[in-house]
PDB file of N, CA and C in Angstrom:
ATOM      1  N   ASP A   1     172.294   7.479 140.655  1.00  0.00           N
ATOM      2  CA  ASP A   1     173.754   7.447 140.712  1.00  0.00           C
ATOM      3  C   ASP A   1     174.205   8.176 141.989  1.00  0.00           C
ATOM      4  N   LYS A   2     175.095   7.527 142.702  1.00  0.00           N
ATOM      5  CA  LYS A   2     175.487   8.015 144.035  1.00  0.00           C
ATOM      6  C   LYS A   2     176.164   9.385 144.004  1.00  0.00           C
ATOM      7  N   ALA A   3     176.994   9.624 143.004  1.00  0.00           N
ATOM      8  CA  ALA A   3     177.679  10.924 142.922  1.00  0.00           C
ATOM      9  C   ALA A   3     176.678  12.049 142.704  1.00  0.00           C
ATOM     10  N   ARG A   4     175.695  11.815 141.840  1.00  0.00           N
ATOM     11  CA  ARG A   4     174.678  12.827 141.583  1.00  0.00           C
ATOM     12  C   ARG A   4     173.827  13.065 142.829  1.00  0.00           C
ATOM     13  N   ASP A   5     173.463  11.985 143.535  1.00  0.00           N
ATOM     14  CA  ASP A   5     172.707  12.131 144.780  1.00  0.00           C
ATOM     15  C   ASP A   5     173.511  12.919 145.807  1.00  0.00           C
ATOM     16  N   ARG A   6     174.806  12.623 145.919  1.00  0.00           N
ATOM     17  CA  ARG A   6     175.671  13.326 146.862  1.00  0.00           C
ATOM     18  C   ARG A   6     175.726  14.813 146.496  1.00  0.00           C
ATOM     19  N   ASP A   7     175.816  15.112 145.207  1.00  0.00           N
ATOM     20  CA  ASP A   7     175.834  16.505 144.756  1.00  0.00           C
ATOM     21  C   ASP A   7     174.544  17.219 145.138  1.00  0.00           C
ATOM     22  N   LYS A   8     173.400  16.528 145.010  1.00  0.00           N
ATOM     23  CA  LYS A   8     172.117  17.141 145.359  1.00  0.00           C
ATOM     24  C   LYS A   8     172.029  17.422 146.856  1.00  0.00           C
ATOM     25  N   VAL A   9     172.515  16.470 147.670  1.00  0.00           N
ATOM     26  CA  VAL A   9     172.507  16.673 149.120  1.00  0.00           C
ATOM     27  C   VAL A   9     173.424  17.832 149.482  1.00  0.00           C
ATOM     28  N   GLU A  10     174.587  17.899 148.858  1.00  0.00           N
ATOM     29  CA  GLU A  10     175.529  18.981 149.140  1.00  0.00           C
ATOM     30  C   GLU A  10     174.948  20.333 148.728  1.00  0.00           C
ATOM     31  N   LYS A  11     174.246  20.378 147.605  1.00  0.00           N
ATOM     32  CA  LYS A  11     173.611  21.629 147.181  1.00  0.00           C
ATOM     33  C   LYS A  11     172.532  22.039 148.185  1.00  0.00           C
ATOM     34  N   LEU A  12     171.723  21.085 148.640  1.00  0.00           N
ATOM     35  CA  LEU A  12     170.699  21.378 149.635  1.00  0.00           C
ATOM     36  C   LEU A  12     171.348  21.912 150.917  1.00  0.00           C
ATOM     37  N   ARG A  13     172.402  21.235 151.386  1.00  0.00           N
ATOM     38  CA  ARG A  13     173.089  21.663 152.602  1.00  0.00           C
ATOM     39  C   ARG A  13     173.617  23.090 152.446  1.00  0.00           C
ATOM     40  N   ALA A  14     174.271  23.362 151.336  1.00  0.00           N
ATOM     41  CA  ALA A  14     174.825  24.699 151.091  1.00  0.00           C
ATOM     42  C   ALA A  14     173.714  25.744 150.976  1.00  0.00           C
ATOM     43  N   ASP A  15     172.610  25.400 150.320  1.00  0.00           N
ATOM     44  CA  ASP A  15     171.476  26.325 150.194  1.00  0.00           C
ATOM     45  C   ASP A  15     170.881  26.647 151.558  1.00  0.00           C
ATOM     46  N   VAL A  16     170.746  25.628 152.418  1.00  0.00           N
ATOM     47  CA  VAL A  16     170.208  25.858 153.763  1.00  0.00           C
ATOM     48  C   VAL A  16     171.112  26.812 154.528  1.00  0.00           C
ATOM     49  N   VAL A  17     172.409  26.549 154.528  1.00  0.00           N
ATOM     50  CA  VAL A  17     173.357  27.402 155.265  1.00  0.00           C
ATOM     51  C   VAL A  17     173.287  28.836 154.756  1.00  0.00           C
ATOM     52  N   ARG A  18     173.350  29.017 153.444  1.00  0.00           N
ATOM     53  CA  ARG A  18     173.343  30.358 152.861  1.00  0.00           C
ATOM     54  C   ARG A  18     172.026  31.082 153.151  1.00  0.00           C
ATOM     55  N   THR A  19     170.917  30.390 152.990  1.00  0.00           N
ATOM     56  CA  THR A  19     169.598  31.010 153.154  1.00  0.00           C
ATOM     57  C   THR A  19     169.325  31.370 154.610  1.00  0.00           C
ATOM     58  N   VAL A  20     169.625  30.457 155.525  1.00  0.00           N
ATOM     59  CA  VAL A  20     169.414  30.727 156.949  1.00  0.00           C
ATOM     60  C   VAL A  20     170.349  31.833 157.422  1.00  0.00           C
ATOM     61  N   ASP A  21     171.599  31.797 156.971  1.00  0.00           N
ATOM     62  CA  ASP A  21     172.539  32.869 157.342  1.00  0.00           C
ATOM     63  C   ASP A  21     172.055  34.229 156.846  1.00  0.00           C
ATOM     64  N   ASP A  22     171.267  34.216 155.774  1.00  0.00           N
ATOM     65  CA  ASP A  22     170.716  35.439 155.199  1.00  0.00           C
ATOM     66  C   ASP A  22     169.412  35.861 155.899  1.00  0.00           C
ATOM     67  N   GLY A  23     169.014  35.103 156.923  1.00  0.00           N
ATOM     68  CA  GLY A  23     167.824  35.460 157.689  1.00  0.00           C
ATOM     69  C   GLY A  23     166.515  34.974 157.103  1.00  0.00           C
ATOM     70  N   ARG A  24     166.590  34.017 156.195  1.00  0.00           N
ATOM     71  CA  ARG A  24     165.386  33.490 155.568  1.00  0.00           C
ATOM     72  C   ARG A  24     165.265  31.997 155.835  1.00  0.00           C
ATOM     73  N   ALA A  25     164.171  31.396 155.413  1.00  0.00           N
ATOM     74  CA  ALA A  25     163.950  29.954 155.548  1.00  0.00           C
ATOM     75  C   ALA A  25     163.920  29.312 154.170  1.00  0.00           C
ATOM     76  N   VAL A  26     164.197  28.024 154.127  1.00  0.00           N
ATOM     77  CA  VAL A  26     164.036  27.238 152.910  1.00  0.00           C
ATOM     78  C   VAL A  26     162.691  26.520 153.026  1.00  0.00           C
ATOM     79  N   VAL A  27     161.841  26.680 152.023  1.00  0.00           N
ATOM     80  CA  VAL A  27     160.549  26.007 152.010  1.00  0.00           C
ATOM     81  C   VAL A  27     160.692  24.731 151.185  1.00  0.00           C
ATOM     82  N   ALA A  28     160.272  23.609 151.778  1.00  0.00           N
ATOM     83  CA  ALA A  28     160.382  22.320 151.095  1.00  0.00           C
ATOM     84  C   ALA A  28     159.003  21.685 150.970  1.00  0.00           C
ATOM     85  N   ASN A  29     158.743  21.144 149.812  1.00  0.00           N
ATOM     86  CA  ASN A  29     157.525  20.392 149.545  1.00  0.00           C
ATOM     87  C   ASN A  29     157.920  18.924 149.669  1.00  0.00           C
ATOM     88  N   ILE A  30     157.422  18.247 150.706  1.00  0.00           N
ATOM     89  CA  ILE A  30     157.860  16.888 150.994  1.00  0.00           C
ATOM     90  C   ILE A  30     156.694  15.915 150.811  1.00  0.00           C
ATOM     91  N   ALA A  31     157.031  14.647 150.718  1.00  0.00           N
ATOM     92  CA  ALA A  31     156.020  13.592 150.662  1.00  0.00           C
ATOM     93  C   ALA A  31     156.646  12.320 151.210  1.00  0.00           C
ATOM     94  N   GLY A  32     155.797  11.498 151.833  1.00  0.00           N
ATOM     95  CA  GLY A  32     156.289  10.252 152.386  1.00  0.00           C
ATOM     96  C   GLY A  32     156.615  10.395 153.860  1.00  0.00           C
ATOM     97  N   THR A  33     157.542   9.576 154.331  1.00  0.00           N
ATOM     98  CA  THR A  33     157.878   9.513 155.748  1.00  0.00           C
ATOM     99  C   THR A  33     159.365   9.745 155.945  1.00  0.00           C
ATOM    100  N   ALA A  34     159.691  10.502 156.990  1.00  0.00           N
ATOM    101  CA  ALA A  34     161.086  10.727 157.358  1.00  0.00           C
ATOM    102  C   ALA A  34     161.198  10.630 158.875  1.00  0.00           C
ATOM    103  N   THR A  35     162.403  10.394 159.348  1.00  0.00           N
ATOM    104  CA  THR A  35     162.665  10.238 160.777  1.00  0.00           C
ATOM    105  C   THR A  35     163.582  11.364 161.239  1.00  0.00           C
ATOM    106  N   ASP A  36     163.203  11.999 162.353  1.00  0.00           N
ATOM    107  CA  ASP A  36     164.029  13.089 162.873  1.00  0.00           C
ATOM    108  C   ASP A  36     165.144  12.538 163.756  1.00  0.00           C
ATOM    109  N   THR A  37     165.983  13.418 164.274  1.00  0.00           N
ATOM    110  CA  THR A  37     167.150  12.999 165.043  1.00  0.00           C
ATOM    111  C   THR A  37     166.776  12.380 166.386  1.00  0.00           C
ATOM    112  N   ASP A  38     165.537  12.559 166.842  1.00  0.00           N
ATOM    113  CA  ASP A  38     165.074  11.930 168.075  1.00  0.00           C
ATOM    114  C   ASP A  38     164.423  10.567 167.820  1.00  0.00           C
ATOM    115  N   GLY A  39     164.347  10.172 166.557  1.00  0.00           N
ATOM    116  CA  GLY A  39     163.742   8.890 166.209  1.00  0.00           C
ATOM    117  C   GLY A  39     162.255   8.949 165.955  1.00  0.00           C
ATOM    118  N   ASN A  40     161.674  10.149 165.962  1.00  0.00           N
ATOM    119  CA  ASN A  40     160.243  10.312 165.669  1.00  0.00           C
ATOM    120  C   ASN A  40     160.029  10.341 164.163  1.00  0.00           C
ATOM    121  N   THR A  41     158.953   9.687 163.716  1.00  0.00           N
ATOM    122  CA  THR A  41     158.649   9.715 162.291  1.00  0.00           C
ATOM    123  C   THR A  41     157.619  10.798 161.987  1.00  0.00           C
ATOM    124  N   HIS A  42     157.736  11.347 160.801  1.00  0.00           N
ATOM    125  CA  HIS A  42     156.826  12.379 160.304  1.00  0.00           C
ATOM    126  C   HIS A  42     156.362  11.891 158.937  1.00  0.00           C
ATOM    127  N   SER A  43     155.059  11.671 158.812  1.00  0.00           N
ATOM    128  CA  SER A  43     154.539  11.036 157.609  1.00  0.00           C
ATOM    129  C   SER A  43     153.465  11.898 156.948  1.00  0.00           C
ATOM    130  N   PHE A  44     153.691  12.182 155.676  1.00  0.00           N
ATOM    131  CA  PHE A  44     152.753  12.977 154.877  1.00  0.00           C
ATOM    132  C   PHE A  44     152.672  12.339 153.492  1.00  0.00           C
ATOM    133  N   GLU A  45     151.892  11.277 153.390  1.00  0.00           N
ATOM    134  CA  GLU A  45     151.831  10.540 152.125  1.00  0.00           C
ATOM    135  C   GLU A  45     151.260  11.391 150.997  1.00  0.00           C
ATOM    136  N   GLY A  46     150.372  12.327 151.340  1.00  0.00           N
ATOM    137  CA  GLY A  46     149.770  13.173 150.313  1.00  0.00           C
ATOM    138  C   GLY A  46     150.552  14.427 150.012  1.00  0.00           C
ATOM    139  N   GLY A  47     151.681  14.629 150.710  1.00  0.00           N
ATOM    140  CA  GLY A  47     152.494  15.821 150.517  1.00  0.00           C
ATOM    141  C   GLY A  47     152.209  16.860 151.581  1.00  0.00           C
ATOM    142  N   HIS A  48     153.162  17.738 151.783  1.00  0.00           N
ATOM    143  CA  HIS A  48     153.088  18.744 152.854  1.00  0.00           C
ATOM    144  C   HIS A  48     154.232  19.727 152.642  1.00  0.00           C
ATOM    145  N   TYR A  49     154.073  20.931 153.152  1.00  0.00           N
ATOM    146  CA  TYR A  49     155.153  21.923 153.116  1.00  0.00           C
ATOM    147  C   TYR A  49     155.749  22.084 154.506  1.00  0.00           C
ATOM    148  N   ILE A  50     157.062  22.191 154.563  1.00  0.00           N
ATOM    149  CA  ILE A  50     157.775  22.472 155.808  1.00  0.00           C
ATOM    150  C   ILE A  50     158.750  23.614 155.539  1.00  0.00           C
ATOM    151  N   SER A  51     159.241  24.222 156.611  1.00  0.00           N
ATOM    152  CA  SER A  51     160.268  25.251 156.487  1.00  0.00           C
ATOM    153  C   SER A  51     161.523  24.785 157.210  1.00  0.00           C
ATOM    154  N   VAL A  52     162.658  24.980 156.573  1.00  0.00           N
ATOM    155  CA  VAL A  52     163.950  24.712 157.201  1.00  0.00           C
ATOM    156  C   VAL A  52     164.438  26.055 157.724  1.00  0.00           C
ATOM    157  N   VAL A  53     164.513  26.175 159.053  1.00  0.00           N
ATOM    158  CA  VAL A  53     164.740  27.481 159.667  1.00  0.00           C
ATOM    159  C   VAL A  53     166.079  27.603 160.390  1.00  0.00           C
ATOM    160  N   GLY A  54     166.826  26.523 160.467  1.00  0.00           N
ATOM    161  CA  GLY A  54     168.105  26.578 161.165  1.00  0.00           C
ATOM    162  C   GLY A  54     168.950  25.380 160.823  1.00  0.00           C
ATOM    163  N   TYR A  55     170.176  25.387 161.334  1.00  0.00           N
ATOM    164  CA  TYR A  55     171.088  24.268 161.099  1.00  0.00           C
ATOM    165  C   TYR A  55     172.164  24.258 162.180  1.00  0.00           C
ATOM    166  N   ARG A  56     172.860  23.138 162.264  1.00  0.00           N
ATOM    167  CA  ARG A  56     174.066  23.041 163.083  1.00  0.00           C
ATOM    168  C   ARG A  56     175.026  22.089 162.378  1.00  0.00           C
ATOM    169  N   ASP A  57     176.233  22.011 162.876  1.00  0.00           N
ATOM    170  CA  ASP A  57     177.259  21.143 162.270  1.00  0.00           C
ATOM    171  C   ASP A  57     177.447  21.443 160.783  1.00  0.00           C
ATOM    172  N   GLY A  58     177.489  22.741 160.457  1.00  0.00           N
ATOM    173  CA  GLY A  58     177.723  23.138 159.068  1.00  0.00           C
ATOM    174  C   GLY A  58     176.617  22.755 158.112  1.00  0.00           C
ATOM    175  N   GLY A  59     175.419  22.527 158.650  1.00  0.00           N
ATOM    176  CA  GLY A  59     174.288  22.172 157.801  1.00  0.00           C
ATOM    177  C   GLY A  59     174.032  20.682 157.712  1.00  0.00           C
ATOM    178  N   LYS A  60     174.812  19.871 158.420  1.00  0.00           N
ATOM    179  CA  LYS A  60     174.574  18.422 158.409  1.00  0.00           C
ATOM    180  C   LYS A  60     173.277  18.070 159.139  1.00  0.00           C
ATOM    181  N   ILE A  61     172.921  18.875 160.144  1.00  0.00           N
ATOM    182  CA  ILE A  61     171.660  18.728 160.864  1.00  0.00           C
ATOM    183  C   ILE A  61     170.868  20.007 160.639  1.00  0.00           C
ATOM    184  N   VAL A  62     169.612  19.869 160.236  1.00  0.00           N
ATOM    185  CA  VAL A  62     168.773  21.038 159.966  1.00  0.00           C
ATOM    186  C   VAL A  62     167.612  21.083 160.947  1.00  0.00           C
ATOM    187  N   THR A  63     167.122  22.289 161.199  1.00  0.00           N
ATOM    188  CA  THR A  63     165.960  22.484 162.068  1.00  0.00           C
ATOM    189  C   THR A  63     164.748  22.748 161.192  1.00  0.00           C
ATOM    190  N   ILE A  64     163.706  21.950 161.415  1.00  0.00           N
ATOM    191  CA  ILE A  64     162.469  22.020 160.641  1.00  0.00           C
ATOM    192  C   ILE A  64     161.389  22.709 161.473  1.00  0.00           C
ATOM    193  N   ALA A  65     160.703  23.670 160.888  1.00  0.00           N
ATOM    194  CA  ALA A  65     159.491  24.250 161.479  1.00  0.00           C
ATOM    195  C   ALA A  65     158.325  23.650 160.709  1.00  0.00           C
ATOM    196  N   ASP A  66     157.378  23.057 161.459  1.00  0.00           N
ATOM    197  CA  ASP A  66     156.306  22.300 160.825  1.00  0.00           C
ATOM    198  C   ASP A  66     154.986  22.634 161.510  1.00  0.00           C
ATOM    199  N   SER A  67     154.037  23.130 160.748  1.00  0.00           N
ATOM    200  CA  SER A  67     152.746  23.535 161.306  1.00  0.00           C
ATOM    201  C   SER A  67     151.788  22.367 161.519  1.00  0.00           C
ATOM    202  N   ALA A  68     152.138  21.172 161.095  1.00  0.00           N
ATOM    203  CA  ALA A  68     151.193  20.053 161.129  1.00  0.00           C
ATOM    204  C   ALA A  68     150.866  19.577 162.540  1.00  0.00           C
ATOM    205  N   ASN A  69     151.834  19.639 163.441  1.00  0.00           N
ATOM    206  CA  ASN A  69     151.619  19.117 164.789  1.00  0.00           C
ATOM    207  C   ASN A  69     152.036  20.158 165.815  1.00  0.00           C
ATOM    208  N   PRO A  70     151.069  20.838 166.442  1.00  0.00           N
ATOM    209  CA  PRO A  70     151.406  21.884 167.413  1.00  0.00           C
ATOM    210  C   PRO A  70     152.225  21.369 168.591  1.00  0.00           C
ATOM    211  N   ASN A  71     152.127  20.069 168.882  1.00  0.00           N
ATOM    212  CA  ASN A  71     152.905  19.502 169.978  1.00  0.00           C
ATOM    213  C   ASN A  71     154.365  19.294 169.617  1.00  0.00           C
ATOM    214  N   GLN A  72     154.665  19.361 168.334  1.00  0.00           N
ATOM    215  CA  GLN A  72     156.050  19.236 167.881  1.00  0.00           C
ATOM    216  C   GLN A  72     156.258  20.209 166.716  1.00  0.00           C
ATOM    217  N   ALA A  73     156.246  21.492 167.059  1.00  0.00           N
ATOM    218  CA  ALA A  73     156.298  22.544 166.042  1.00  0.00           C
ATOM    219  C   ALA A  73     157.658  22.627 165.357  1.00  0.00           C
ATOM    220  N   SER A  74     158.702  22.105 166.008  1.00  0.00           N
ATOM    221  CA  SER A  74     160.005  22.067 165.351  1.00  0.00           C
ATOM    222  C   SER A  74     160.759  20.820 165.784  1.00  0.00           C
ATOM    223  N   TYR A  75     161.638  20.375 164.915  1.00  0.00           N
ATOM    224  CA  TYR A  75     162.463  19.199 165.178  1.00  0.00           C
ATOM    225  C   TYR A  75     163.691  19.265 164.293  1.00  0.00           C
ATOM    226  N   ARG A  76     164.655  18.425 164.595  1.00  0.00           N
ATOM    227  CA  ARG A  76     165.893  18.397 163.809  1.00  0.00           C
ATOM    228  C   ARG A  76     165.945  17.124 162.972  1.00  0.00           C
ATOM    229  N   MET A  77     166.659  17.222 161.863  1.00  0.00           N
ATOM    230  CA  MET A  77     166.759  16.100 160.942  1.00  0.00           C
ATOM    231  C   MET A  77     168.110  16.155 160.239  1.00  0.00           C
ATOM    232  N   ASP A  78     168.662  14.993 159.970  1.00  0.00           N
ATOM    233  CA  ASP A  78     169.883  14.897 159.177  1.00  0.00           C
ATOM    234  C   ASP A  78     169.577  15.398 157.764  1.00  0.00           C
ATOM    235  N   VAL A  79     170.487  16.178 157.184  1.00  0.00           N
ATOM    236  CA  VAL A  79     170.231  16.749 155.857  1.00  0.00           C
ATOM    237  C   VAL A  79     170.062  15.662 154.795  1.00  0.00           C
ATOM    238  N   ASP A  80     170.715  14.510 154.984  1.00  0.00           N
ATOM    239  CA  ASP A  80     170.529  13.401 154.031  1.00  0.00           C
ATOM    240  C   ASP A  80     169.091  12.885 154.082  1.00  0.00           C
ATOM    241  N   GLU A  81     168.536  12.790 155.283  1.00  0.00           N
ATOM    242  CA  GLU A  81     167.149  12.348 155.444  1.00  0.00           C
ATOM    243  C   GLU A  81     166.202  13.370 154.817  1.00  0.00           C
ATOM    244  N   LEU A  82     166.471  14.656 155.045  1.00  0.00           N
ATOM    245  CA  LEU A  82     165.651  15.701 154.430  1.00  0.00           C
ATOM    246  C   LEU A  82     165.712  15.609 152.910  1.00  0.00           C
ATOM    247  N   ALA A  83     166.889  15.392 152.374  1.00  0.00           N
ATOM    248  CA  ALA A  83     167.042  15.298 150.916  1.00  0.00           C
ATOM    249  C   ALA A  83     166.209  14.148 150.354  1.00  0.00           C
ATOM    250  N   ARG A  84     166.196  13.018 151.050  1.00  0.00           N
ATOM    251  CA  ARG A  84     165.362  11.889 150.597  1.00  0.00           C
ATOM    252  C   ARG A  84     163.880  12.250 150.675  1.00  0.00           C
ATOM    253  N   TRP A  85     163.510  12.986 151.720  1.00  0.00           N
ATOM    254  CA  TRP A  85     162.105  13.353 151.945  1.00  0.00           C
ATOM    255  C   TRP A  85     161.574  14.262 150.840  1.00  0.00           C
ATOM    256  N   ILE A  86     162.428  15.148 150.341  1.00  0.00           N
ATOM    257  CA  ILE A  86     161.968  16.094 149.319  1.00  0.00           C
ATOM    258  C   ILE A  86     162.290  15.654 147.890  1.00  0.00           C
ATOM    259  N   ALA A  87     162.926  14.515 147.746  1.00  0.00           N
ATOM    260  CA  ALA A  87     163.407  14.103 146.420  1.00  0.00           C
ATOM    261  C   ALA A  87     162.316  14.100 145.364  1.00  0.00           C
ATOM    262  N   SER A  88     161.102  13.715 145.741  1.00  0.00           N
ATOM    263  CA  SER A  88     160.041  13.622 144.739  1.00  0.00           C
ATOM    264  C   SER A  88     159.326  14.946 144.531  1.00  0.00           C
ATOM    265  N   ARG A  89     159.626  15.948 145.370  1.00  0.00           N
ATOM    266  CA  ARG A  89     158.853  17.191 145.330  1.00  0.00           C
ATOM    267  C   ARG A  89     159.707  18.405 144.986  1.00  0.00           C
ATOM    268  N   GLY A  90     160.717  18.681 145.773  1.00  0.00           N
ATOM    269  CA  GLY A  90     161.576  19.834 145.528  1.00  0.00           C
ATOM    270  C   GLY A  90     161.463  20.877 146.610  1.00  0.00           C
ATOM    271  N   TYR A  91     162.232  21.936 146.463  1.00  0.00           N
ATOM    272  CA  TYR A  91     162.240  23.016 147.438  1.00  0.00           C
ATOM    273  C   TYR A  91     162.621  24.298 146.740  1.00  0.00           C
ATOM    274  N   SER A  92     162.441  25.430 147.428  1.00  0.00           N
ATOM    275  CA  SER A  92     162.896  26.700 146.884  1.00  0.00           C
ATOM    276  C   SER A  92     163.529  27.496 148.005  1.00  0.00           C
ATOM    277  N   SER A  93     164.633  28.142 147.691  1.00  0.00           N
ATOM    278  CA  SER A  93     165.320  28.920 148.726  1.00  0.00           C
ATOM    279  C   SER A  93     165.142  30.404 148.457  1.00  0.00           C
TER     280      SER A  93
END
């Protein structure tokens, strides 16, 4: 249901803003493939952990710290895309 999905994205956005403003990161357990704001795909079919370490535009764009690829240790992603990426796994703030 779209309203419930929107509520989940809004909660994630608010959690990221609050947690990062508090000097901490949000840890997300993701699975599948997502595309960052530069158009690069990040694929972890077996699951993977990432950290959300920053944001801009009030949390609409988030900064991801990812240990999987040293050549791209951080990237930005739309919070809606992040929400889809973690939907099957979850996160903790």
